[in-house]
Amino acid sequence: MHASVGDRLHVHGKVVGNAERYGVIIEVHGSNGDPPYLVKFDDGHTCLMFPGPDALIEHPSHSGASRT
């Protein structure tokens, strides 16, 4: 998984009934766009994440998304 500042992180709910989460990557702490990422979610919560297989990086300059 590779991301840049400004990309969106889309985390799918892991369990039925859990909402999907969306956020903006505000810092990339790994080398060459690798995790961990500091993410500010739409609800205002900010956390350092190593996204798992339930996450997508949405690059604003591209029409598609990259799956982990």
PDB file of N, CA and C in Angstrom:
ATOM      1  N   MET A   1       0.852  -1.168   0.000  1.00  0.00           N
ATOM      2  CA  MET A   1       0.000   0.000   0.000  1.00  0.00           C
ATOM      3  C   MET A   1       0.899   1.231   0.000  1.00  0.00           C
ATOM      4  N   HIS A   2       0.597   2.145  -0.897  1.00  0.00           N
ATOM      5  CA  HIS A   2       1.352   3.394  -0.989  1.00  0.00           C
ATOM      6  C   HIS A   2       0.363   4.555  -1.019  1.00  0.00           C
ATOM      7  N   ALA A   3       0.685   5.608  -0.277  1.00  0.00           N
ATOM      8  CA  ALA A   3      -0.199   6.769  -0.212  1.00  0.00           C
ATOM      9  C   ALA A   3       0.623   8.041  -0.148  1.00  0.00           C
ATOM     10  N   SER A   4      -0.042   9.141  -0.401  1.00  0.00           N
ATOM     11  CA  SER A   4       0.545  10.475  -0.309  1.00  0.00           C
ATOM     12  C   SER A   4      -0.368  11.332   0.555  1.00  0.00           C
ATOM     13  N   VAL A   5       0.197  12.407   1.085  1.00  0.00           N
ATOM     14  CA  VAL A   5      -0.612  13.358   1.844  1.00  0.00           C
ATOM     15  C   VAL A   5      -1.732  13.854   0.941  1.00  0.00           C
ATOM     16  N   GLY A   6      -2.948  13.879   1.460  1.00  0.00           N
ATOM     17  CA  GLY A   6      -4.107  14.312   0.697  1.00  0.00           C
ATOM     18  C   GLY A   6      -4.943  13.170   0.148  1.00  0.00           C
ATOM     19  N   ASP A   7      -4.383  11.953   0.085  1.00  0.00           N
ATOM     20  CA  ASP A   7      -5.161  10.796  -0.342  1.00  0.00           C
ATOM     21  C   ASP A   7      -6.215  10.491   0.713  1.00  0.00           C
ATOM     22  N   ARG A   8      -7.295   9.846   0.290  1.00  0.00           N
ATOM     23  CA  ARG A   8      -8.353   9.457   1.232  1.00  0.00           C
ATOM     24  C   ARG A   8      -8.196   7.988   1.592  1.00  0.00           C
ATOM     25  N   LEU A   9      -8.459   7.689   2.861  1.00  0.00           N
ATOM     26  CA  LEU A   9      -8.455   6.313   3.347  1.00  0.00           C
ATOM     27  C   LEU A   9      -9.901   5.902   3.581  1.00  0.00           C
ATOM     28  N   HIS A  10     -10.288   4.781   3.004  1.00  0.00           N
ATOM     29  CA  HIS A  10     -11.642   4.237   3.135  1.00  0.00           C
ATOM     30  C   HIS A  10     -11.498   2.893   3.836  1.00  0.00           C
ATOM     31  N   VAL A  11     -12.021   2.801   5.064  1.00  0.00           N
ATOM     32  CA  VAL A  11     -11.937   1.568   5.847  1.00  0.00           C
ATOM     33  C   VAL A  11     -13.329   0.959   5.911  1.00  0.00           C
ATOM     34  N   HIS A  12     -13.456  -0.253   5.377  1.00  0.00           N
ATOM     35  CA  HIS A  12     -14.732  -0.964   5.406  1.00  0.00           C
ATOM     36  C   HIS A  12     -15.005  -1.478   6.815  1.00  0.00           C
ATOM     37  N   GLY A  13     -16.283  -1.576   7.189  1.00  0.00           N
ATOM     38  CA  GLY A  13     -16.661  -2.147   8.472  1.00  0.00           C
ATOM     39  C   GLY A  13     -16.266  -3.621   8.528  1.00  0.00           C
ATOM     40  N   LYS A  14     -15.664  -4.052   9.632  1.00  0.00           N
ATOM     41  CA  LYS A  14     -15.203  -5.443   9.758  1.00  0.00           C
ATOM     42  C   LYS A  14     -16.330  -6.393  10.146  1.00  0.00           C
ATOM     43  N   VAL A  15     -17.352  -5.863  10.780  1.00  0.00           N
ATOM     44  CA  VAL A  15     -18.455  -6.666  11.292  1.00  0.00           C
ATOM     45  C   VAL A  15     -19.755  -6.064  10.774  1.00  0.00           C
ATOM     46  N   VAL A  16     -20.728  -6.908  10.500  1.00  0.00           N
ATOM     47  CA  VAL A  16     -22.028  -6.430  10.049  1.00  0.00           C
ATOM     48  C   VAL A  16     -22.555  -5.421  11.067  1.00  0.00           C
ATOM     49  N   GLY A  17     -22.971  -4.274  10.573  1.00  0.00           N
ATOM     50  CA  GLY A  17     -23.483  -3.221  11.440  1.00  0.00           C
ATOM     51  C   GLY A  17     -22.463  -2.140  11.753  1.00  0.00           C
ATOM     52  N   ASN A  18     -21.169  -2.422  11.565  1.00  0.00           N
ATOM     53  CA  ASN A  18     -20.146  -1.391  11.761  1.00  0.00           C
ATOM     54  C   ASN A  18     -20.107  -0.497  10.528  1.00  0.00           C
ATOM     55  N   ALA A  19     -20.078   0.785  10.770  1.00  0.00           N
ATOM     56  CA  ALA A  19     -20.066   1.749   9.666  1.00  0.00           C
ATOM     57  C   ALA A  19     -18.701   1.808   8.998  1.00  0.00           C
ATOM     58  N   GLU A  20     -18.702   2.154   7.720  1.00  0.00           N
ATOM     59  CA  GLU A  20     -17.451   2.414   7.020  1.00  0.00           C
ATOM     60  C   GLU A  20     -16.896   3.734   7.517  1.00  0.00           C
ATOM     61  N   ARG A  21     -15.566   3.888   7.473  1.00  0.00           N
ATOM     62  CA  ARG A  21     -14.927   5.121   7.925  1.00  0.00           C
ATOM     63  C   ARG A  21     -14.132   5.719   6.776  1.00  0.00           C
ATOM     64  N   TYR A  22     -14.150   7.040   6.713  1.00  0.00           N
ATOM     65  CA  TYR A  22     -13.428   7.773   5.682  1.00  0.00           C
ATOM     66  C   TYR A  22     -12.558   8.820   6.356  1.00  0.00           C
ATOM     67  N   GLY A  23     -11.354   9.008   5.822  1.00  0.00           N
ATOM     68  CA  GLY A  23     -10.477  10.028   6.358  1.00  0.00           C
ATOM     69  C   GLY A  23      -9.468  10.484   5.324  1.00  0.00           C
ATOM     70  N   VAL A  24      -8.747  11.537   5.663  1.00  0.00           N
ATOM     71  CA  VAL A  24      -7.715  12.100   4.791  1.00  0.00           C
ATOM     72  C   VAL A  24      -6.362  11.834   5.432  1.00  0.00           C
ATOM     73  N   ILE A  25      -5.421  11.378   4.631  1.00  0.00           N
ATOM     74  CA  ILE A  25      -4.064  11.142   5.121  1.00  0.00           C
ATOM     75  C   ILE A  25      -3.375  12.493   5.235  1.00  0.00           C
ATOM     76  N   ILE A  26      -2.955  12.840   6.458  1.00  0.00           N
ATOM     77  CA  ILE A  26      -2.332  14.143   6.685  1.00  0.00           C
ATOM     78  C   ILE A  26      -0.827  14.031   6.888  1.00  0.00           C
ATOM     79  N   GLU A  27      -0.320  12.824   7.172  1.00  0.00           N
ATOM     80  CA  GLU A  27       1.123  12.583   7.261  1.00  0.00           C
ATOM     81  C   GLU A  27       1.405  11.147   6.849  1.00  0.00           C
ATOM     82  N   VAL A  28       2.521  10.943   6.152  1.00  0.00           N
ATOM     83  CA  VAL A  28       2.998   9.612   5.792  1.00  0.00           C
ATOM     84  C   VAL A  28       4.302   9.397   6.545  1.00  0.00           C
ATOM     85  N   HIS A  29       4.338   8.400   7.430  1.00  0.00           N
ATOM     86  CA  HIS A  29       5.508   8.176   8.279  1.00  0.00           C
ATOM     87  C   HIS A  29       6.441   7.101   7.745  1.00  0.00           C
ATOM     88  N   GLY A  30       6.008   6.290   6.797  1.00  0.00           N
ATOM     89  CA  GLY A  30       6.857   5.263   6.209  1.00  0.00           C
ATOM     90  C   GLY A  30       7.637   5.811   5.032  1.00  0.00           C
ATOM     91  N   SER A  31       8.600   5.029   4.579  1.00  0.00           N
ATOM     92  CA  SER A  31       9.389   5.456   3.421  1.00  0.00           C
ATOM     93  C   SER A  31       8.637   5.127   2.128  1.00  0.00           C
ATOM     94  N   ASN A  32       8.777   5.971   1.140  1.00  0.00           N
ATOM     95  CA  ASN A  32       8.176   5.771  -0.189  1.00  0.00           C
ATOM     96  C   ASN A  32       6.663   5.593  -0.152  1.00  0.00           C
ATOM     97  N   GLY A  33       5.983   6.281   0.747  1.00  0.00           N
ATOM     98  CA  GLY A  33       4.530   6.217   0.806  1.00  0.00           C
ATOM     99  C   GLY A  33       3.963   5.041   1.571  1.00  0.00           C
ATOM    100  N   ASP A  34       4.831   4.299   2.260  1.00  0.00           N
ATOM    101  CA  ASP A  34       4.376   3.141   3.044  1.00  0.00           C
ATOM    102  C   ASP A  34       3.800   3.581   4.384  1.00  0.00           C
ATOM    103  N   PRO A  35       2.949   2.729   5.007  1.00  0.00           N
ATOM    104  CA  PRO A  35       2.422   3.031   6.336  1.00  0.00           C
ATOM    105  C   PRO A  35       3.547   3.086   7.368  1.00  0.00           C
ATOM    106  N   PRO A  36       3.278   3.683   8.503  1.00  0.00           N
ATOM    107  CA  PRO A  36       1.991   4.145   9.007  1.00  0.00           C
ATOM    108  C   PRO A  36       1.617   5.518   8.472  1.00  0.00           C
ATOM    109  N   TYR A  37       0.306   5.790   8.549  1.00  0.00           N
ATOM    110  CA  TYR A  37      -0.252   7.060   8.105  1.00  0.00           C
ATOM    111  C   TYR A  37      -0.967   7.732   9.267  1.00  0.00           C
ATOM    112  N   LEU A  38      -0.814   9.050   9.362  1.00  0.00           N
ATOM    113  CA  LEU A  38      -1.618   9.824  10.292  1.00  0.00           C
ATOM    114  C   LEU A  38      -2.861  10.239   9.514  1.00  0.00           C
ATOM    115  N   VAL A  39      -4.025   9.813  10.006  1.00  0.00           N
ATOM    116  CA  VAL A  39      -5.280   9.991   9.284  1.00  0.00           C
ATOM    117  C   VAL A  39      -6.242  10.820  10.118  1.00  0.00           C
ATOM    118  N   LYS A  40      -6.853  11.816   9.483  1.00  0.00           N
ATOM    119  CA  LYS A  40      -7.917  12.581  10.129  1.00  0.00           C
ATOM    120  C   LYS A  40      -9.226  12.117   9.516  1.00  0.00           C
ATOM    121  N   PHE A  41     -10.038  11.454  10.344  1.00  0.00           N
ATOM    122  CA  PHE A  41     -11.304  10.913   9.871  1.00  0.00           C
ATOM    123  C   PHE A  41     -12.366  12.006   9.798  1.00  0.00           C
ATOM    124  N   ASP A  42     -13.403  11.722   9.034  1.00  0.00           N
ATOM    125  CA  ASP A  42     -14.480  12.686   8.814  1.00  0.00           C
ATOM    126  C   ASP A  42     -15.171  13.109  10.108  1.00  0.00           C
ATOM    127  N   ASP A  43     -15.108  12.272  11.151  1.00  0.00           N
ATOM    128  CA  ASP A  43     -15.727  12.629  12.434  1.00  0.00           C
ATOM    129  C   ASP A  43     -14.808  13.499  13.300  1.00  0.00           C
ATOM    130  N   GLY A  44     -13.607  13.860  12.770  1.00  0.00           N
ATOM    131  CA  GLY A  44     -12.673  14.716  13.489  1.00  0.00           C
ATOM    132  C   GLY A  44     -11.600  13.964  14.250  1.00  0.00           C
ATOM    133  N   HIS A  45     -11.767  12.638  14.409  1.00  0.00           N
ATOM    134  CA  HIS A  45     -10.800  11.806  15.119  1.00  0.00           C
ATOM    135  C   HIS A  45      -9.532  11.663  14.278  1.00  0.00           C
ATOM    136  N   THR A  46      -8.368  11.769  14.919  1.00  0.00           N
ATOM    137  CA  THR A  46      -7.082  11.607  14.239  1.00  0.00           C
ATOM    138  C   THR A  46      -6.327  10.462  14.882  1.00  0.00           C
ATOM    139  N   CYS A  47      -5.739   9.574  14.068  1.00  0.00           N
ATOM    140  CA  CYS A  47      -4.949   8.479  14.624  1.00  0.00           C
ATOM    141  C   CYS A  47      -3.888   8.019  13.638  1.00  0.00           C
ATOM    142  N   LEU A  48      -2.868   7.355  14.177  1.00  0.00           N
ATOM    143  CA  LEU A  48      -1.800   6.764  13.386  1.00  0.00           C
ATOM    144  C   LEU A  48      -2.233   5.352  13.026  1.00  0.00           C
ATOM    145  N   MET A  49      -2.211   5.013  11.746  1.00  0.00           N
ATOM    146  CA  MET A  49      -2.750   3.726  11.290  1.00  0.00           C
ATOM    147  C   MET A  49      -1.800   2.961  10.402  1.00  0.00           C
ATOM    148  N   PHE A  50      -1.834   1.655  10.548  1.00  0.00           N
ATOM    149  CA  PHE A  50      -1.283   0.702   9.601  1.00  0.00           C
ATOM    150  C   PHE A  50      -2.502   0.020   8.980  1.00  0.00           C
ATOM    151  N   PRO A  51      -3.046   0.540   7.868  1.00  0.00           N
ATOM    152  CA  PRO A  51      -4.287  -0.007   7.308  1.00  0.00           C
ATOM    153  C   PRO A  51      -4.150  -1.482   6.958  1.00  0.00           C
ATOM    154  N   GLY A  52      -5.227  -2.209   7.188  1.00  0.00           N
ATOM    155  CA  GLY A  52      -5.266  -3.638   6.903  1.00  0.00           C
ATOM    156  C   GLY A  52      -5.947  -3.931   5.584  1.00  0.00           C
ATOM    157  N   PRO A  53      -6.290  -5.199   5.366  1.00  0.00           N
ATOM    158  CA  PRO A  53      -6.895  -5.611   4.099  1.00  0.00           C
ATOM    159  C   PRO A  53      -8.316  -5.087   3.893  1.00  0.00           C
ATOM    160  N   ASP A  54      -8.883  -4.488   4.925  1.00  0.00           N
ATOM    161  CA  ASP A  54     -10.229  -3.926   4.808  1.00  0.00           C
ATOM    162  C   ASP A  54     -10.199  -2.458   4.410  1.00  0.00           C
ATOM    163  N   ALA A  55      -9.047  -1.956   3.975  1.00  0.00           N
ATOM    164  CA  ALA A  55      -8.898  -0.529   3.658  1.00  0.00           C
ATOM    165  C   ALA A  55      -8.518  -0.310   2.194  1.00  0.00           C
ATOM    166  N   LEU A  56      -8.942   0.831   1.682  1.00  0.00           N
ATOM    167  CA  LEU A  56      -8.595   1.282   0.327  1.00  0.00           C
ATOM    168  C   LEU A  56      -7.974   2.665   0.420  1.00  0.00           C
ATOM    169  N   ILE A  57      -6.995   2.927  -0.417  1.00  0.00           N
ATOM    170  CA  ILE A  57      -6.453   4.274  -0.582  1.00  0.00           C
ATOM    171  C   ILE A  57      -7.075   4.843  -1.844  1.00  0.00           C
ATOM    172  N   GLU A  58      -7.706   5.987  -1.716  1.00  0.00           N
ATOM    173  CA  GLU A  58      -8.323   6.649  -2.859  1.00  0.00           C
ATOM    174  C   GLU A  58      -7.469   7.851  -3.219  1.00  0.00           C
ATOM    175  N   HIS A  59      -6.845   7.789  -4.386  1.00  0.00           N
ATOM    176  CA  HIS A  59      -5.980   8.857  -4.859  1.00  0.00           C
ATOM    177  C   HIS A  59      -6.833   9.877  -5.611  1.00  0.00           C
ATOM    178  N   PRO A  60      -6.875  11.121  -5.164  1.00  0.00           N
ATOM    179  CA  PRO A  60      -7.753  12.109  -5.812  1.00  0.00           C
ATOM    180  C   PRO A  60      -7.412  12.368  -7.275  1.00  0.00           C
ATOM    181  N   SER A  61      -6.166  12.156  -7.678  1.00  0.00           N
ATOM    182  CA  SER A  61      -5.780  12.446  -9.062  1.00  0.00           C
ATOM    183  C   SER A  61      -6.072  11.284  -9.999  1.00  0.00           C
ATOM    184  N   HIS A  62      -6.515  10.141  -9.459  1.00  0.00           N
ATOM    185  CA  HIS A  62      -6.824   8.978 -10.286  1.00  0.00           C
ATOM    186  C   HIS A  62      -8.284   8.621 -10.117  1.00  0.00           C
ATOM    187  N   SER A  63      -8.843   7.973 -11.106  1.00  0.00           N
ATOM    188  CA  SER A  63     -10.262   7.600 -11.043  1.00  0.00           C
ATOM    189  C   SER A  63     -10.494   6.346 -10.228  1.00  0.00           C
ATOM    190  N   GLY A  64      -9.472   5.483 -10.069  1.00  0.00           N
ATOM    191  CA  GLY A  64      -9.642   4.227  -9.347  1.00  0.00           C
ATOM    192  C   GLY A  64      -9.074   4.304  -7.951  1.00  0.00           C
ATOM    193  N   ALA A  65      -9.117   3.180  -7.243  1.00  0.00           N
ATOM    194  CA  ALA A  65      -8.584   3.075  -5.898  1.00  0.00           C
ATOM    195  C   ALA A  65      -7.632   1.895  -5.831  1.00  0.00           C
ATOM    196  N   SER A  66      -6.724   1.938  -4.885  1.00  0.00           N
ATOM    197  CA  SER A  66      -5.747   0.864  -4.715  1.00  0.00           C
ATOM    198  C   SER A  66      -6.116   0.043  -3.497  1.00  0.00           C
ATOM    199  N   ARG A  67      -6.282  -1.237  -3.658  1.00  0.00           N
ATOM    200  CA  ARG A  67      -6.663  -2.121  -2.560  1.00  0.00           C
ATOM    201  C   ARG A  67      -5.411  -2.707  -1.930  1.00  0.00           C
ATOM    202  N   THR A  68      -5.409  -2.821  -0.581  1.00  0.00           N
ATOM    203  CA  THR A  68      -4.269  -3.422   0.115  1.00  0.00           C
ATOM    204  C   THR A  68      -4.303  -4.901   0.011  1.00  0.00           C
TER     205      THR A  68
END
